[in-house]
Protein backbone atom coordinates (compact mmCIF):
# COMPACT_ATOMS: atom_id res chain seq x y z
CA MET A 1 0.00 0.00 0.00
CA ARG A 2 1.34 3.41 -1.00
CA TYR A 3 -0.36 5.31 1.82
CA ASP A 4 -0.15 5.44 5.61
CA SER A 5 -3.83 6.37 5.89
CA LEU A 6 -6.93 6.31 3.72
CA ILE A 7 -9.44 8.99 4.68
CA PHE A 8 -13.01 8.31 3.58
CA ASP A 9 -15.80 10.80 3.18
CA LEU A 10 -19.07 9.36 4.51
CA ASP A 11 -22.08 10.77 2.62
CA GLY A 12 -22.00 9.83 -1.05
CA THR A 13 -18.91 7.67 -0.61
CA ILE A 14 -19.67 4.97 1.95
CA SER A 15 -23.42 5.43 2.24
CA ASP A 16 -26.34 7.08 0.48
CA PRO A 17 -27.95 9.50 2.95
CA SER A 18 -30.45 11.12 0.59
CA VAL A 19 -33.68 9.92 2.22
CA GLY A 20 -32.74 10.89 5.77
CA ILE A 21 -31.14 14.18 4.77
CA SER A 22 -34.04 15.23 2.52
CA ARG A 23 -36.69 14.47 5.12
CA SER A 24 -34.73 16.17 7.90
CA ILE A 25 -33.97 19.26 5.77
CA ASN A 26 -37.68 19.63 4.97
CA TYR A 27 -38.64 19.02 8.61
CA ALA A 28 -36.59 22.08 9.57
CA LEU A 29 -37.76 24.16 6.60
CA LEU A 30 -41.42 23.58 7.46
CA HIS A 31 -40.82 24.37 11.13
CA HIS A 32 -39.35 27.75 10.13
CA GLY A 33 -42.11 28.61 7.65
CA PHE A 34 -40.32 27.80 4.39
CA GLU A 35 -41.58 25.68 1.51
CA VAL A 36 -40.28 22.14 1.27
CA CYS A 37 -37.72 21.27 -1.41
CA SER A 38 -37.65 18.29 -3.73
CA ARG A 39 -35.34 15.39 -3.04
CA GLU A 40 -33.51 16.25 -6.28
CA GLN A 41 -32.86 19.83 -5.11
CA ILE A 42 -31.51 18.63 -1.79
CA SER A 43 -29.50 15.74 -3.22
CA SER A 44 -27.58 18.10 -5.49
CA LEU A 45 -26.18 19.78 -2.36
CA ILE A 46 -25.32 16.69 -0.31
CA GLY A 47 -21.72 16.91 0.83
CA LEU A 48 -21.89 20.61 1.68
CA PRO A 49 -22.07 21.78 5.30
CA LEU A 50 -25.64 22.19 6.57
CA ASP A 51 -25.49 25.97 6.84
CA GLN A 52 -24.50 26.26 3.17
CA MET A 53 -27.34 23.93 2.19
CA TYR A 54 -29.90 26.10 3.96
CA TYR A 55 -28.53 29.30 2.43
CA ARG A 56 -29.16 27.77 -1.00
CA LEU A 57 -32.51 26.11 -0.29
CA ALA A 58 -34.35 28.67 1.85
CA THR A 59 -35.24 31.77 -0.19
CA ASP A 60 -34.35 35.02 1.59
CA VAL A 61 -33.35 33.21 4.78
CA ASP A 62 -32.07 35.43 7.58
CA GLU A 63 -28.61 34.22 8.58
CA ARG A 64 -29.72 34.46 12.21
CA GLN A 65 -32.17 31.62 11.52
CA ILE A 66 -29.52 29.22 10.28
CA PRO A 67 -28.35 27.86 13.68
CA SER A 68 -31.95 27.15 14.67
CA MET A 69 -32.60 25.42 11.34
CA VAL A 70 -29.52 23.26 11.79
CA ASP A 71 -30.64 22.35 15.32
CA LYS A 72 -34.10 21.39 14.05
CA TYR A 73 -32.56 19.30 11.28
CA ARG A 74 -30.39 17.45 13.79
CA GLU A 75 -33.39 16.86 16.06
CA ARG A 76 -34.98 14.63 13.43
CA TYR A 77 -31.74 13.27 11.99
CA LEU A 78 -30.44 12.05 15.35
CA GLU A 79 -33.75 10.36 16.12
CA ILE A 80 -34.66 8.88 12.72
CA GLY A 81 -32.70 10.27 9.79
CA PHE A 82 -29.38 8.55 10.45
CA SER A 83 -31.11 5.15 10.25
CA GLU A 84 -32.35 5.96 6.74
CA ASN A 85 -28.80 5.75 5.38
CA VAL A 86 -28.11 2.90 2.96
CA MET A 87 -24.60 1.58 2.38
CA TYR A 88 -23.57 1.49 -1.27
CA ASP A 89 -23.31 -2.00 -2.74
CA GLY A 90 -19.71 -3.14 -2.60
CA MET A 91 -18.46 -0.65 -0.02
CA ARG A 92 -18.56 -3.14 2.84
CA ASP A 93 -16.26 -5.41 0.82
CA VAL A 94 -13.87 -2.51 0.19
CA ILE A 95 -13.68 -1.53 3.85
CA ASP A 96 -13.49 -5.11 5.14
CA GLU A 97 -10.66 -6.04 2.77
CA LEU A 98 -8.64 -2.91 3.51
CA TYR A 99 -9.13 -3.39 7.25
CA GLN A 100 -8.15 -7.05 7.12
CA LEU A 101 -5.14 -6.24 4.97
CA GLY A 102 -3.93 -3.93 7.72
CA SER A 103 -1.32 -2.15 5.60
CA CYS A 104 -2.68 1.33 6.35
CA ASN A 105 -5.01 3.10 8.77
CA LEU A 106 -8.59 3.87 7.77
CA GLY A 107 -10.39 7.01 8.89
CA ILE A 108 -13.45 9.17 8.28
CA CYS A 109 -13.56 12.89 7.49
CA THR A 110 -17.13 14.12 7.14
CA SER A 111 -19.12 17.33 7.41
CA LYS A 112 -21.44 15.43 9.75
CA ARG A 113 -20.98 15.95 13.47
CA ASN A 114 -18.87 13.27 15.18
CA ASP A 115 -21.69 11.73 17.20
CA ILE A 116 -23.90 11.41 14.11
CA ALA A 117 -21.13 9.87 12.01
CA GLU A 118 -20.37 7.38 14.76
CA LYS A 119 -24.04 6.37 15.02
CA ILE A 120 -24.05 5.59 11.29
CA LEU A 121 -20.83 3.57 11.47
CA GLN A 122 -22.20 1.68 14.46
CA MET A 123 -25.43 0.93 12.58
CA PHE A 124 -23.39 -0.53 9.70
CA GLU A 125 -21.12 -2.41 12.17
CA LEU A 126 -18.06 -0.61 10.81
CA THR A 127 -16.86 1.20 13.93
CA GLU A 128 -13.86 -1.04 14.58
CA CYS A 129 -12.59 -0.60 11.02
CA PHE A 130 -11.83 3.11 11.43
CA ARG A 131 -9.01 4.39 13.56
CA PHE A 132 -10.41 7.93 13.71
CA VAL A 133 -13.55 9.90 12.87
CA SER A 134 -13.26 13.61 12.12
CA GLY A 135 -16.70 15.19 12.24
CA GLY A 136 -17.60 18.71 11.18
CA GLU A 137 -19.24 21.68 12.82
CA ILE A 138 -20.86 24.80 11.39
CA GLY A 139 -18.14 27.19 10.24
CA ILE A 140 -15.42 24.53 10.12
CA SER A 141 -14.31 23.49 6.63
CA LYS A 142 -13.19 20.02 5.65
CA SER A 143 -9.80 21.52 4.84
CA GLN A 144 -9.54 22.66 8.46
CA GLN A 145 -10.55 19.20 9.67
CA ILE A 146 -7.73 17.58 7.69
CA ALA A 147 -5.28 20.20 8.93
CA VAL A 148 -6.17 19.24 12.52
CA LEU A 149 -5.63 15.56 11.72
CA LEU A 150 -2.17 16.39 10.38
CA GLU A 151 -1.28 18.65 13.30
CA SER A 152 -2.32 15.99 15.81
CA SER A 153 -0.36 13.28 13.92
CA ALA A 154 -3.54 11.25 13.42
CA ILE A 155 -2.44 11.12 9.77
CA SER A 156 0.79 11.78 7.90
CA ASP A 157 1.41 13.56 4.61
CA ARG A 158 1.38 10.11 2.99
CA SER A 159 -2.40 9.93 3.25
CA MET A 160 -5.15 9.92 0.64
CA MET A 161 -8.64 11.44 0.75
CA ILE A 162 -11.45 9.48 -0.93
CA GLY A 163 -14.68 11.34 -1.69
CA ASP A 164 -17.46 12.13 -4.13
CA ARG A 165 -17.48 15.94 -4.10
CA SER A 166 -15.04 18.68 -5.04
CA VAL A 167 -14.90 19.80 -1.39
CA ASP A 168 -13.24 16.47 -0.50
CA ILE A 169 -10.62 16.79 -3.22
CA LEU A 170 -9.87 20.45 -2.51
CA ALA A 171 -9.54 19.75 1.22
CA ALA A 172 -6.92 17.11 0.47
CA HIS A 173 -4.97 19.25 -1.98
CA SER A 174 -4.94 22.30 0.31
CA ASN A 175 -3.17 20.13 2.88
CA GLY A 176 -0.73 18.54 0.44
CA LEU A 177 -2.47 15.15 0.34
CA GLN A 178 -3.35 12.91 -2.59
CA SER A 179 -6.98 12.34 -3.54
CA THR A 180 -9.24 10.01 -5.46
CA GLY A 181 -12.84 10.59 -6.51
CA VAL A 182 -15.79 8.20 -6.61
CA LEU A 183 -18.58 8.46 -9.18
CA TRP A 184 -21.43 6.66 -7.40
CA GLY A 185 -22.13 9.59 -5.06
CA TYR A 186 -23.36 13.14 -5.68
CA GLY A 187 -20.48 14.78 -7.51
CA SER A 188 -20.26 14.51 -11.29
CA ARG A 189 -17.25 13.43 -13.32
CA CYS A 190 -16.96 17.04 -14.52
CA GLU A 191 -16.99 18.41 -10.96
CA LEU A 192 -14.24 16.04 -9.86
CA LYS A 193 -12.12 16.54 -12.98
CA GLU A 194 -12.25 20.31 -12.56
CA VAL A 195 -10.51 20.02 -9.19
CA CYS A 196 -7.97 17.47 -10.47
CA ALA A 197 -9.01 14.41 -8.49
CA GLY A 198 -6.13 11.97 -8.83
CA HIS A 199 -8.24 9.04 -9.97
CA LEU A 200 -11.95 8.46 -10.62
CA SER A 201 -13.59 5.13 -9.77
CA LYS A 202 -16.93 4.14 -11.26
CA ALA A 203 -17.63 1.38 -8.74
CA PRO A 204 -16.34 0.23 -5.32
CA ALA A 205 -14.61 -2.81 -6.84
CA GLU A 206 -12.66 -0.49 -9.14
CA LEU A 207 -11.68 1.68 -6.17
CA LEU A 208 -10.38 -1.36 -4.30
CA GLU A 209 -8.37 -2.49 -7.31
CA TYR A 210 -6.85 0.98 -7.65
CA LEU A 211 -5.92 1.18 -3.96
CA ASN A 212 -4.29 -2.25 -4.08
CA THR A 213 -2.06 -1.47 -7.06
């Protein structure tokens, strides 16, 4: 293995969160008097931090409402929404094989809060496979999350970020790390090519083959 650590995004890379996210987004929108959005509208923004999603989905939203909207979203997501995640076919095989191989550490870097990410990993019985989980908070970028992992020596500069959106790739590059993009999530081939993702995999089996070369 060429890398000390492989850092996985969660949403759109390991699991499909669209049902739980869409329902929880709309739960908060309705509570604050906004019209609901289609699943397609919401899915196009999956991978962005929650505050950025609400800025784009709620017409003329007052920025002072955003923290309350995020809290309302998390109210439903923590109770129900997390359990509506579905793991992508083939990703369990990828994670199991890499974990059993033991030639590098596996970790998670997600815009989701730590406790939510850990609930999802526990639901999928994947907790033991990941050495660390870096969860996000409002106002903290994924680039900052990776910088903290480097500063704390949780990862080295011989690490790779694996994700489905440009934000994953840019976060890796801004910290001097390699990256690879996956095409079964929410980012398009064009989006990932524009930010110079190191490799694009069309399916989990192809990703595993690439990582093992």
